[in-house]
Amino acid sequence: KQEYIKEKLEFQRTGIATKNRTQK
């Protein structure tokens, strides 16, 4: 749950989904 919340907040901040964030 905490990891999900962290990812959700990061998405809200950046607009980039976690799975897309690691792209070069």
mmCIF file of all heavy atoms, coordinates in Angstrom:
data_MODEL
# 
_entry.id   MODEL 
# 
loop_
_atom_site.group_PDB 
_atom_site.id 
_atom_site.type_symbol 
_atom_site.label_atom_id 
_atom_site.label_alt_id 
_atom_site.label_comp_id 
_atom_site.label_asym_id 
_atom_site.label_entity_id 
_atom_site.label_seq_id 
_atom_site.pdbx_PDB_ins_code 
_atom_site.Cartn_x 
_atom_site.Cartn_y 
_atom_site.Cartn_z 
_atom_site.occupancy 
_atom_site.B_iso_or_equiv 
_atom_site.pdbx_formal_charge 
_atom_site.auth_seq_id 
_atom_site.auth_comp_id 
_atom_site.auth_asym_id 
_atom_site.auth_atom_id 
_atom_site.pdbx_PDB_model_num 
ATOM 1   N N   . LYS A 1 1  ? 0.836  -1.204 0.000   1.00 0.00 ? 1  LYS A N   1 
ATOM 2   C CA  . LYS A 1 1  ? 0.000  0.000  0.000   1.00 0.00 ? 1  LYS A CA  1 
ATOM 3   C C   . LYS A 1 1  ? 0.869  1.251  0.000   1.00 0.00 ? 1  LYS A C   1 
ATOM 4   O O   . LYS A 1 1  ? 0.627  2.185  -0.773  1.00 0.00 ? 1  LYS A O   1 
ATOM 5   C CB  . LYS A 1 1  ? -0.929 -0.003 1.212   1.00 0.00 ? 1  LYS A CB  1 
ATOM 6   C CG  . LYS A 1 1  ? -1.863 1.202  1.277   1.00 0.00 ? 1  LYS A CG  1 
ATOM 7   C CD  . LYS A 1 1  ? -2.830 1.063  2.434   1.00 0.00 ? 1  LYS A CD  1 
ATOM 8   C CE  . LYS A 1 1  ? -2.589 2.187  3.394   1.00 0.00 ? 1  LYS A CE  1 
ATOM 9   N NZ  . LYS A 1 1  ? -3.479 2.153  4.557   1.00 0.00 ? 1  LYS A NZ  1 
ATOM 10  N N   . GLN A 1 2  ? 1.895  1.265  0.847   1.00 0.00 ? 2  GLN A N   1 
ATOM 11  C CA  . GLN A 1 2  ? 2.788  2.426  0.913   1.00 0.00 ? 2  GLN A CA  1 
ATOM 12  C C   . GLN A 1 2  ? 3.534  2.618  -0.405  1.00 0.00 ? 2  GLN A C   1 
ATOM 13  O O   . GLN A 1 2  ? 3.723  3.744  -0.863  1.00 0.00 ? 2  GLN A O   1 
ATOM 14  C CB  . GLN A 1 2  ? 3.773  2.294  2.085   1.00 0.00 ? 2  GLN A CB  1 
ATOM 15  C CG  . GLN A 1 2  ? 3.114  2.368  3.451   1.00 0.00 ? 2  GLN A CG  1 
ATOM 16  C CD  . GLN A 1 2  ? 2.267  3.624  3.647   1.00 0.00 ? 2  GLN A CD  1 
ATOM 17  O OE1 . GLN A 1 2  ? 2.639  4.709  3.240   1.00 0.00 ? 2  GLN A OE1 1 
ATOM 18  N NE2 . GLN A 1 2  ? 1.101  3.446  4.267   1.00 0.00 ? 2  GLN A NE2 1 
ATOM 19  N N   . GLU A 1 3  ? 3.945  1.516  -1.023  1.00 0.00 ? 3  GLU A N   1 
ATOM 20  C CA  . GLU A 1 3  ? 4.622  1.610  -2.320  1.00 0.00 ? 3  GLU A CA  1 
ATOM 21  C C   . GLU A 1 3  ? 3.661  2.139  -3.381  1.00 0.00 ? 3  GLU A C   1 
ATOM 22  O O   . GLU A 1 3  ? 4.024  2.966  -4.211  1.00 0.00 ? 3  GLU A O   1 
ATOM 23  C CB  . GLU A 1 3  ? 5.167  0.248  -2.741  1.00 0.00 ? 3  GLU A CB  1 
ATOM 24  C CG  . GLU A 1 3  ? 5.970  0.316  -4.019  1.00 0.00 ? 3  GLU A CG  1 
ATOM 25  C CD  . GLU A 1 3  ? 6.624  -1.000 -4.396  1.00 0.00 ? 3  GLU A CD  1 
ATOM 26  O OE1 . GLU A 1 3  ? 6.943  -1.800 -3.504  1.00 0.00 ? 3  GLU A OE1 1 
ATOM 27  O OE2 . GLU A 1 3  ? 6.809  -1.215 -5.606  1.00 0.00 ? 3  GLU A OE2 1 
ATOM 28  N N   . TYR A 1 4  ? 2.407  1.679  -3.328  1.00 0.00 ? 4  TYR A N   1 
ATOM 29  C CA  . TYR A 1 4  ? 1.395  2.160  -4.269  1.00 0.00 ? 4  TYR A CA  1 
ATOM 30  C C   . TYR A 1 4  ? 1.183  3.660  -4.099  1.00 0.00 ? 4  TYR A C   1 
ATOM 31  O O   . TYR A 1 4  ? 1.148  4.410  -5.075  1.00 0.00 ? 4  TYR A O   1 
ATOM 32  C CB  . TYR A 1 4  ? 0.068  1.409  -4.085  1.00 0.00 ? 4  TYR A CB  1 
ATOM 33  C CG  . TYR A 1 4  ? -1.013 1.970  -4.965  1.00 0.00 ? 4  TYR A CG  1 
ATOM 34  C CD1 . TYR A 1 4  ? -1.116 1.577  -6.298  1.00 0.00 ? 4  TYR A CD1 1 
ATOM 35  C CD2 . TYR A 1 4  ? -1.893 2.932  -4.493  1.00 0.00 ? 4  TYR A CD2 1 
ATOM 36  C CE1 . TYR A 1 4  ? -2.077 2.128  -7.132  1.00 0.00 ? 4  TYR A CE1 1 
ATOM 37  C CE2 . TYR A 1 4  ? -2.858 3.498  -5.318  1.00 0.00 ? 4  TYR A CE2 1 
ATOM 38  C CZ  . TYR A 1 4  ? -2.940 3.087  -6.628  1.00 0.00 ? 4  TYR A CZ  1 
ATOM 39  O OH  . TYR A 1 4  ? -3.880 3.648  -7.460  1.00 0.00 ? 4  TYR A OH  1 
ATOM 40  N N   . ILE A 1 5  ? 1.057  4.101  -2.854  1.00 0.00 ? 5  ILE A N   1 
ATOM 41  C CA  . ILE A 1 5  ? 0.842  5.529  -2.570  1.00 0.00 ? 5  ILE A CA  1 
ATOM 42  C C   . ILE A 1 5  ? 2.027  6.351  -3.079  1.00 0.00 ? 5  ILE A C   1 
ATOM 43  O O   . ILE A 1 5  ? 1.842  7.404  -3.698  1.00 0.00 ? 5  ILE A O   1 
ATOM 44  C CB  . ILE A 1 5  ? 0.603  5.762  -1.060  1.00 0.00 ? 5  ILE A CB  1 
ATOM 45  C CG1 . ILE A 1 5  ? -0.773 5.198  -0.664  1.00 0.00 ? 5  ILE A CG1 1 
ATOM 46  C CG2 . ILE A 1 5  ? 0.712  7.242  -0.701  1.00 0.00 ? 5  ILE A CG2 1 
ATOM 47  C CD1 . ILE A 1 5  ? -1.014 5.145  0.833   1.00 0.00 ? 5  ILE A CD1 1 
ATOM 48  N N   . LYS A 1 6  ? 3.224  5.852  -2.842  1.00 0.00 ? 6  LYS A N   1 
ATOM 49  C CA  . LYS A 1 6  ? 4.423  6.547  -3.312  1.00 0.00 ? 6  LYS A CA  1 
ATOM 50  C C   . LYS A 1 6  ? 4.400  6.691  -4.838  1.00 0.00 ? 6  LYS A C   1 
ATOM 51  O O   . LYS A 1 6  ? 4.675  7.770  -5.375  1.00 0.00 ? 6  LYS A O   1 
ATOM 52  C CB  . LYS A 1 6  ? 5.668  5.766  -2.866  1.00 0.00 ? 6  LYS A CB  1 
ATOM 53  C CG  . LYS A 1 6  ? 6.971  6.386  -3.256  1.00 0.00 ? 6  LYS A CG  1 
ATOM 54  C CD  . LYS A 1 6  ? 8.124  5.516  -2.752  1.00 0.00 ? 6  LYS A CD  1 
ATOM 55  C CE  . LYS A 1 6  ? 9.431  5.975  -3.357  1.00 0.00 ? 6  LYS A CE  1 
ATOM 56  N NZ  . LYS A 1 6  ? 10.508 5.027  -3.118  1.00 0.00 ? 6  LYS A NZ  1 
ATOM 57  N N   . GLU A 1 7  ? 4.057  5.601  -5.535  1.00 0.00 ? 7  GLU A N   1 
ATOM 58  C CA  . GLU A 1 7  ? 3.980  5.642  -6.992  1.00 0.00 ? 7  GLU A CA  1 
ATOM 59  C C   . GLU A 1 7  ? 2.879  6.588  -7.460  1.00 0.00 ? 7  GLU A C   1 
ATOM 60  O O   . GLU A 1 7  ? 3.049  7.324  -8.429  1.00 0.00 ? 7  GLU A O   1 
ATOM 61  C CB  . GLU A 1 7  ? 3.741  4.241  -7.556  1.00 0.00 ? 7  GLU A CB  1 
ATOM 62  C CG  . GLU A 1 7  ? 4.940  3.335  -7.439  1.00 0.00 ? 7  GLU A CG  1 
ATOM 63  C CD  . GLU A 1 7  ? 4.677  1.923  -7.932  1.00 0.00 ? 7  GLU A CD  1 
ATOM 64  O OE1 . GLU A 1 7  ? 3.581  1.650  -8.503  1.00 0.00 ? 7  GLU A OE1 1 
ATOM 65  O OE2 . GLU A 1 7  ? 5.571  1.079  -7.765  1.00 0.00 ? 7  GLU A OE2 1 
ATOM 66  N N   . LYS A 1 8  ? 1.752  6.576  -6.760  1.00 0.00 ? 8  LYS A N   1 
ATOM 67  C CA  . LYS A 1 8  ? 0.619  7.441  -7.118  1.00 0.00 ? 8  LYS A CA  1 
ATOM 68  C C   . LYS A 1 8  ? 1.012  8.912  -6.965  1.00 0.00 ? 8  LYS A C   1 
ATOM 69  O O   . LYS A 1 8  ? 0.751  9.726  -7.854  1.00 0.00 ? 8  LYS A O   1 
ATOM 70  C CB  . LYS A 1 8  ? -0.578 7.114  -6.218  1.00 0.00 ? 8  LYS A CB  1 
ATOM 71  C CG  . LYS A 1 8  ? -1.790 7.980  -6.469  1.00 0.00 ? 8  LYS A CG  1 
ATOM 72  C CD  . LYS A 1 8  ? -2.921 7.621  -5.534  1.00 0.00 ? 8  LYS A CD  1 
ATOM 73  C CE  . LYS A 1 8  ? -4.097 8.555  -5.744  1.00 0.00 ? 8  LYS A CE  1 
ATOM 74  N NZ  . LYS A 1 8  ? -5.232 8.197  -4.918  1.00 0.00 ? 8  LYS A NZ  1 
ATOM 75  N N   . LEU A 1 9  ? 1.643  9.245  -5.849  1.00 0.00 ? 9  LEU A N   1 
ATOM 76  C CA  . LEU A 1 9  ? 2.054  10.628 -5.616  1.00 0.00 ? 9  LEU A CA  1 
ATOM 77  C C   . LEU A 1 9  ? 3.102  11.067 -6.640  1.00 0.00 ? 9  LEU A C   1 
ATOM 78  O O   . LEU A 1 9  ? 3.072  12.204 -7.117  1.00 0.00 ? 9  LEU A O   1 
ATOM 79  C CB  . LEU A 1 9  ? 2.585  10.803 -4.184  1.00 0.00 ? 9  LEU A CB  1 
ATOM 80  C CG  . LEU A 1 9  ? 1.543  10.642 -3.078  1.00 0.00 ? 9  LEU A CG  1 
ATOM 81  C CD1 . LEU A 1 9  ? 2.211  10.676 -1.714  1.00 0.00 ? 9  LEU A CD1 1 
ATOM 82  C CD2 . LEU A 1 9  ? 0.463  11.702 -3.183  1.00 0.00 ? 9  LEU A CD2 1 
ATOM 83  N N   . GLU A 1 10 ? 4.007  10.177 -6.979  1.00 0.00 ? 10 GLU A N   1 
ATOM 84  C CA  . GLU A 1 10 ? 5.029  10.480 -7.982  1.00 0.00 ? 10 GLU A CA  1 
ATOM 85  C C   . GLU A 1 10 ? 4.378  10.707 -9.350  1.00 0.00 ? 10 GLU A C   1 
ATOM 86  O O   . GLU A 1 10 ? 4.759  11.622 -10.082 1.00 0.00 ? 10 GLU A O   1 
ATOM 87  C CB  . GLU A 1 10 ? 6.062  9.346  -8.049  1.00 0.00 ? 10 GLU A CB  1 
ATOM 88  C CG  . GLU A 1 10 ? 7.229  9.633  -8.945  1.00 0.00 ? 10 GLU A CG  1 
ATOM 89  C CD  . GLU A 1 10 ? 8.139  10.761 -8.479  1.00 0.00 ? 10 GLU A CD  1 
ATOM 90  O OE1 . GLU A 1 10 ? 8.060  11.191 -7.311  1.00 0.00 ? 10 GLU A OE1 1 
ATOM 91  O OE2 . GLU A 1 10 ? 8.950  11.224 -9.306  1.00 0.00 ? 10 GLU A OE2 1 
ATOM 92  N N   . PHE A 1 11 ? 3.372  9.912  -9.676  1.00 0.00 ? 11 PHE A N   1 
ATOM 93  C CA  . PHE A 1 11 ? 2.656  10.096 -10.937 1.00 0.00 ? 11 PHE A CA  1 
ATOM 94  C C   . PHE A 1 11 ? 1.932  11.436 -10.949 1.00 0.00 ? 11 PHE A C   1 
ATOM 95  O O   . PHE A 1 11 ? 1.966  12.162 -11.948 1.00 0.00 ? 11 PHE A O   1 
ATOM 96  C CB  . PHE A 1 11 ? 1.654  8.961  -11.176 1.00 0.00 ? 11 PHE A CB  1 
ATOM 97  C CG  . PHE A 1 11 ? 0.792  9.184  -12.383 1.00 0.00 ? 11 PHE A CG  1 
ATOM 98  C CD1 . PHE A 1 11 ? 1.314  9.011  -13.658 1.00 0.00 ? 11 PHE A CD1 1 
ATOM 99  C CD2 . PHE A 1 11 ? -0.522 9.585  -12.254 1.00 0.00 ? 11 PHE A CD2 1 
ATOM 100 C CE1 . PHE A 1 11 ? 0.527  9.239  -14.793 1.00 0.00 ? 11 PHE A CE1 1 
ATOM 101 C CE2 . PHE A 1 11 ? -1.309 9.822  -13.372 1.00 0.00 ? 11 PHE A CE2 1 
ATOM 102 C CZ  . PHE A 1 11 ? -0.789 9.651  -14.642 1.00 0.00 ? 11 PHE A CZ  1 
ATOM 103 N N   . GLN A 1 12 ? 1.291  11.788 -9.818  1.00 0.00 ? 12 GLN A N   1 
ATOM 104 C CA  . GLN A 1 12 ? 0.592  13.069 -9.741  1.00 0.00 ? 12 GLN A CA  1 
ATOM 105 C C   . GLN A 1 12 ? 1.569  14.236 -9.887  1.00 0.00 ? 12 GLN A C   1 
ATOM 106 O O   . GLN A 1 12 ? 1.243  15.259 -10.467 1.00 0.00 ? 12 GLN A O   1 
ATOM 107 C CB  . GLN A 1 12 ? -0.179 13.175 -8.419  1.00 0.00 ? 12 GLN A CB  1 
ATOM 108 C CG  . GLN A 1 12 ? -1.379 12.262 -8.366  1.00 0.00 ? 12 GLN A CG  1 
ATOM 109 C CD  . GLN A 1 12 ? -2.042 12.211 -6.999  1.00 0.00 ? 12 GLN A CD  1 
ATOM 110 O OE1 . GLN A 1 12 ? -1.453 12.612 -5.992  1.00 0.00 ? 12 GLN A OE1 1 
ATOM 111 N NE2 . GLN A 1 12 ? -3.260 11.710 -6.949  1.00 0.00 ? 12 GLN A NE2 1 
ATOM 112 N N   . ARG A 1 13 ? 2.776  14.057 -9.368  1.00 0.00 ? 13 ARG A N   1 
ATOM 113 C CA  . ARG A 1 13 ? 3.787  15.107 -9.423  1.00 0.00 ? 13 ARG A CA  1 
ATOM 114 C C   . ARG A 1 13 ? 4.386  15.241 -10.820 1.00 0.00 ? 13 ARG A C   1 
ATOM 115 O O   . ARG A 1 13 ? 4.579  16.337 -11.323 1.00 0.00 ? 13 ARG A O   1 
ATOM 116 C CB  . ARG A 1 13 ? 4.887  14.799 -8.402  1.00 0.00 ? 13 ARG A CB  1 
ATOM 117 C CG  . ARG A 1 13 ? 5.909  15.908 -8.216  1.00 0.00 ? 13 ARG A CG  1 
ATOM 118 C CD  . ARG A 1 13 ? 6.943  15.549 -7.166  1.00 0.00 ? 13 ARG A CD  1 
ATOM 119 N NE  . ARG A 1 13 ? 7.861  14.499 -7.595  1.00 0.00 ? 13 ARG A NE  1 
ATOM 120 C CZ  . ARG A 1 13 ? 8.879  14.677 -8.438  1.00 0.00 ? 13 ARG A CZ  1 
ATOM 121 N NH1 . ARG A 1 13 ? 9.108  15.843 -8.963  1.00 0.00 ? 13 ARG A NH1 1 
ATOM 122 N NH2 . ARG A 1 13 ? 9.655  13.673 -8.760  1.00 0.00 ? 13 ARG A NH2 1 
ATOM 123 N N   . THR A 1 14 ? 4.666  14.096 -11.476 1.00 0.00 ? 14 THR A N   1 
ATOM 124 C CA  . THR A 1 14 ? 5.394  14.125 -12.747 1.00 0.00 ? 14 THR A CA  1 
ATOM 125 C C   . THR A 1 14 ? 4.519  13.879 -13.972 1.00 0.00 ? 14 THR A C   1 
ATOM 126 O O   . THR A 1 14 ? 4.892  14.270 -15.074 1.00 0.00 ? 14 THR A O   1 
ATOM 127 C CB  . THR A 1 14 ? 6.504  13.048 -12.764 1.00 0.00 ? 14 THR A CB  1 
ATOM 128 O OG1 . THR A 1 14 ? 5.889  11.754 -12.694 1.00 0.00 ? 14 THR A OG1 1 
ATOM 129 C CG2 . THR A 1 14 ? 7.479  13.237 -11.629 1.00 0.00 ? 14 THR A CG2 1 
ATOM 130 N N   . GLY A 1 15 ? 3.408  13.182 -13.791 1.00 0.00 ? 15 GLY A N   1 
ATOM 131 C CA  . GLY A 1 15 ? 2.576  12.808 -14.929 1.00 0.00 ? 15 GLY A CA  1 
ATOM 132 C C   . GLY A 1 15 ? 3.123  11.602 -15.684 1.00 0.00 ? 15 GLY A C   1 
ATOM 133 O O   . GLY A 1 15 ? 2.630  11.240 -16.738 1.00 0.00 ? 15 GLY A O   1 
ATOM 134 N N   . ILE A 1 16 ? 4.165  10.973 -15.142 1.00 0.00 ? 16 ILE A N   1 
ATOM 135 C CA  . ILE A 1 16 ? 4.782  9.810  -15.786 1.00 0.00 ? 16 ILE A CA  1 
ATOM 136 C C   . ILE A 1 16 ? 4.520  8.573  -14.925 1.00 0.00 ? 16 ILE A C   1 
ATOM 137 O O   . ILE A 1 16 ? 4.862  8.552  -13.750 1.00 0.00 ? 16 ILE A O   1 
ATOM 138 C CB  . ILE A 1 16 ? 6.308  10.007 -15.951 1.00 0.00 ? 16 ILE A CB  1 
ATOM 139 C CG1 . ILE A 1 16 ? 6.598  11.286 -16.755 1.00 0.00 ? 16 ILE A CG1 1 
ATOM 140 C CG2 . ILE A 1 16 ? 6.933  8.789  -16.624 1.00 0.00 ? 16 ILE A CG2 1 
ATOM 141 C CD1 . ILE A 1 16 ? 8.057  11.673 -16.753 1.00 0.00 ? 16 ILE A CD1 1 
ATOM 142 N N   . ALA A 1 17 ? 3.928  7.553  -15.533 1.00 0.00 ? 17 ALA A N   1 
ATOM 143 C CA  . ALA A 1 17 ? 3.660  6.309  -14.811 1.00 0.00 ? 17 ALA A CA  1 
ATOM 144 C C   . ALA A 1 17 ? 4.976  5.617  -14.471 1.00 0.00 ? 17 ALA A C   1 
ATOM 145 O O   . ALA A 1 17 ? 5.955  5.745  -15.205 1.00 0.00 ? 17 ALA A O   1 
ATOM 146 C CB  . ALA A 1 17 ? 2.785  5.388  -15.653 1.00 0.00 ? 17 ALA A CB  1 
ATOM 147 N N   . THR A 1 18 ? 5.004  4.869  -13.386 1.00 0.00 ? 18 THR A N   1 
ATOM 148 C CA  . THR A 1 18 ? 6.216  4.191  -12.928 1.00 0.00 ? 18 THR A CA  1 
ATOM 149 C C   . THR A 1 18 ? 6.828  3.330  -14.021 1.00 0.00 ? 18 THR A C   1 
ATOM 150 O O   . THR A 1 18 ? 8.024  3.359  -14.235 1.00 0.00 ? 18 THR A O   1 
ATOM 151 C CB  . THR A 1 18 ? 5.903  3.308  -11.705 1.00 0.00 ? 18 THR A CB  1 
ATOM 152 O OG1 . THR A 1 18 ? 5.346  4.146  -10.697 1.00 0.00 ? 18 THR A OG1 1 
ATOM 153 C CG2 . THR A 1 18 ? 7.137  2.638  -11.166 1.00 0.00 ? 18 THR A CG2 1 
ATOM 154 N N   . LYS A 1 19 ? 6.001  2.559  -14.716 1.00 0.00 ? 19 LYS A N   1 
ATOM 155 C CA  . LYS A 1 19 ? 6.536  1.657  -15.734 1.00 0.00 ? 19 LYS A CA  1 
ATOM 156 C C   . LYS A 1 19 ? 7.146  2.415  -16.911 1.00 0.00 ? 19 LYS A C   1 
ATOM 157 O O   . LYS A 1 19 ? 7.988  1.889  -17.609 1.00 0.00 ? 19 LYS A O   1 
ATOM 158 C CB  . LYS A 1 19 ? 5.481  0.663  -16.203 1.00 0.00 ? 19 LYS A CB  1 
ATOM 159 C CG  . LYS A 1 19 ? 4.246  1.281  -16.811 1.00 0.00 ? 19 LYS A CG  1 
ATOM 160 C CD  . LYS A 1 19 ? 3.225  0.211  -17.128 1.00 0.00 ? 19 LYS A CD  1 
ATOM 161 C CE  . LYS A 1 19 ? 1.879  0.850  -17.441 1.00 0.00 ? 19 LYS A CE  1 
ATOM 162 N NZ  . LYS A 1 19 ? 0.830  -0.107 -17.429 1.00 0.00 ? 19 LYS A NZ  1 
ATOM 163 N N   . ASN A 1 20 ? 6.743  3.664  -17.120 1.00 0.00 ? 20 ASN A N   1 
ATOM 164 C CA  . ASN A 1 20 ? 7.298  4.465  -18.213 1.00 0.00 ? 20 ASN A CA  1 
ATOM 165 C C   . ASN A 1 20 ? 8.472  5.330  -17.761 1.00 0.00 ? 20 ASN A C   1 
ATOM 166 O O   . ASN A 1 20 ? 9.208  5.854  -18.578 1.00 0.00 ? 20 ASN A O   1 
ATOM 167 C CB  . ASN A 1 20 ? 6.226  5.372  -18.816 1.00 0.00 ? 20 ASN A CB  1 
ATOM 168 C CG  . ASN A 1 20 ? 5.104  4.573  -19.443 1.00 0.00 ? 20 ASN A CG  1 
ATOM 169 O OD1 . ASN A 1 20 ? 5.316  3.439  -19.864 1.00 0.00 ? 20 ASN A OD1 1 
ATOM 170 N ND2 . ASN A 1 20 ? 3.927  5.134  -19.485 1.00 0.00 ? 20 ASN A ND2 1 
ATOM 171 N N   . ARG A 1 21 ? 8.643  5.491  -16.469 1.00 0.00 ? 21 ARG A N   1 
ATOM 172 C CA  . ARG A 1 21 ? 9.656  6.387  -15.927 1.00 0.00 ? 21 ARG A CA  1 
ATOM 173 C C   . ARG A 1 21 ? 11.075 5.872  -16.156 1.00 0.00 ? 21 ARG A C   1 
ATOM 174 O O   . ARG A 1 21 ? 12.021 6.636  -16.203 1.00 0.00 ? 21 ARG A O   1 
ATOM 175 C CB  . ARG A 1 21 ? 9.409  6.584  -14.424 1.00 0.00 ? 21 ARG A CB  1 
ATOM 176 C CG  . ARG A 1 21 ? 10.043 7.847  -13.892 1.00 0.00 ? 21 ARG A CG  1 
ATOM 177 C CD  . ARG A 1 21 ? 9.661  8.129  -12.460 1.00 0.00 ? 21 ARG A CD  1 
ATOM 178 N NE  . ARG A 1 21 ? 8.224  8.190  -12.310 1.00 0.00 ? 21 ARG A NE  1 
ATOM 179 C CZ  . ARG A 1 21 ? 7.553  7.548  -11.365 1.00 0.00 ? 21 ARG A CZ  1 
ATOM 180 N NH1 . ARG A 1 21 ? 8.164  6.807  -10.482 1.00 0.00 ? 21 ARG A NH1 1 
ATOM 181 N NH2 . ARG A 1 21 ? 6.248  7.633  -11.294 1.00 0.00 ? 21 ARG A NH2 1 
ATOM 182 N N   . THR A 1 22 ? 11.235 4.578  -16.315 1.00 0.00 ? 22 THR A N   1 
ATOM 183 C CA  . THR A 1 22 ? 12.565 4.001  -16.448 1.00 0.00 ? 22 THR A CA  1 
ATOM 184 C C   . THR A 1 22 ? 13.074 4.020  -17.890 1.00 0.00 ? 22 THR A C   1 
ATOM 185 O O   . THR A 1 22 ? 14.179 3.573  -18.148 1.00 0.00 ? 22 THR A O   1 
ATOM 186 C CB  . THR A 1 22 ? 12.588 2.557  -15.918 1.00 0.00 ? 22 THR A CB  1 
ATOM 187 O OG1 . THR A 1 22 ? 11.607 1.805  -16.619 1.00 0.00 ? 22 THR A OG1 1 
ATOM 188 C CG2 . THR A 1 22 ? 12.317 2.515  -14.432 1.00 0.00 ? 22 THR A CG2 1 
ATOM 189 N N   . GLN A 1 23 ? 12.262 4.523  -18.818 1.00 0.00 ? 23 GLN A N   1 
ATOM 190 C CA  . GLN A 1 23 ? 12.697 4.584  -20.205 1.00 0.00 ? 23 GLN A CA  1 
ATOM 191 C C   . GLN A 1 23 ? 13.864 5.552  -20.337 1.00 0.00 ? 23 GLN A C   1 
ATOM 192 O O   . GLN A 1 23 ? 13.933 6.581  -19.672 1.00 0.00 ? 23 GLN A O   1 
ATOM 193 C CB  . GLN A 1 23 ? 11.557 5.035  -21.106 1.00 0.00 ? 23 GLN A CB  1 
ATOM 194 C CG  . GLN A 1 23 ? 10.461 4.017  -21.223 1.00 0.00 ? 23 GLN A CG  1 
ATOM 195 C CD  . GLN A 1 23 ? 9.315  4.520  -22.100 1.00 0.00 ? 23 GLN A CD  1 
ATOM 196 O OE1 . GLN A 1 23 ? 9.243  5.682  -22.427 1.00 0.00 ? 23 GLN A OE1 1 
ATOM 197 N NE2 . GLN A 1 23 ? 8.430  3.596  -22.467 1.00 0.00 ? 23 GLN A NE2 1 
ATOM 198 N N   . LYS A 1 24 ? 14.773 5.220  -21.246 1.00 0.00 ? 24 LYS A N   1 
ATOM 199 C CA  . LYS A 1 24 ? 15.953 6.056  -21.459 1.00 0.00 ? 24 LYS A CA  1 
ATOM 200 C C   . LYS A 1 24 ? 15.585 7.293  -22.260 1.00 0.00 ? 24 LYS A C   1 
ATOM 201 O O   . LYS A 1 24 ? 14.747 7.242  -23.154 1.00 0.00 ? 24 LYS A O   1 
ATOM 202 C CB  . LYS A 1 24 ? 17.031 5.264  -22.200 1.00 0.00 ? 24 LYS A CB  1 
ATOM 203 C CG  . LYS A 1 24 ? 17.595 4.128  -21.379 1.00 0.00 ? 24 LYS A CG  1 
ATOM 204 C CD  . LYS A 1 24 ? 18.642 3.367  -22.147 1.00 0.00 ? 24 LYS A CD  1 
ATOM 205 C CE  . LYS A 1 24 ? 19.161 2.230  -21.285 1.00 0.00 ? 24 LYS A CE  1 
ATOM 206 N NZ  . LYS A 1 24 ? 20.065 1.357  -21.993 1.00 0.00 ? 24 LYS A NZ  1 
# 
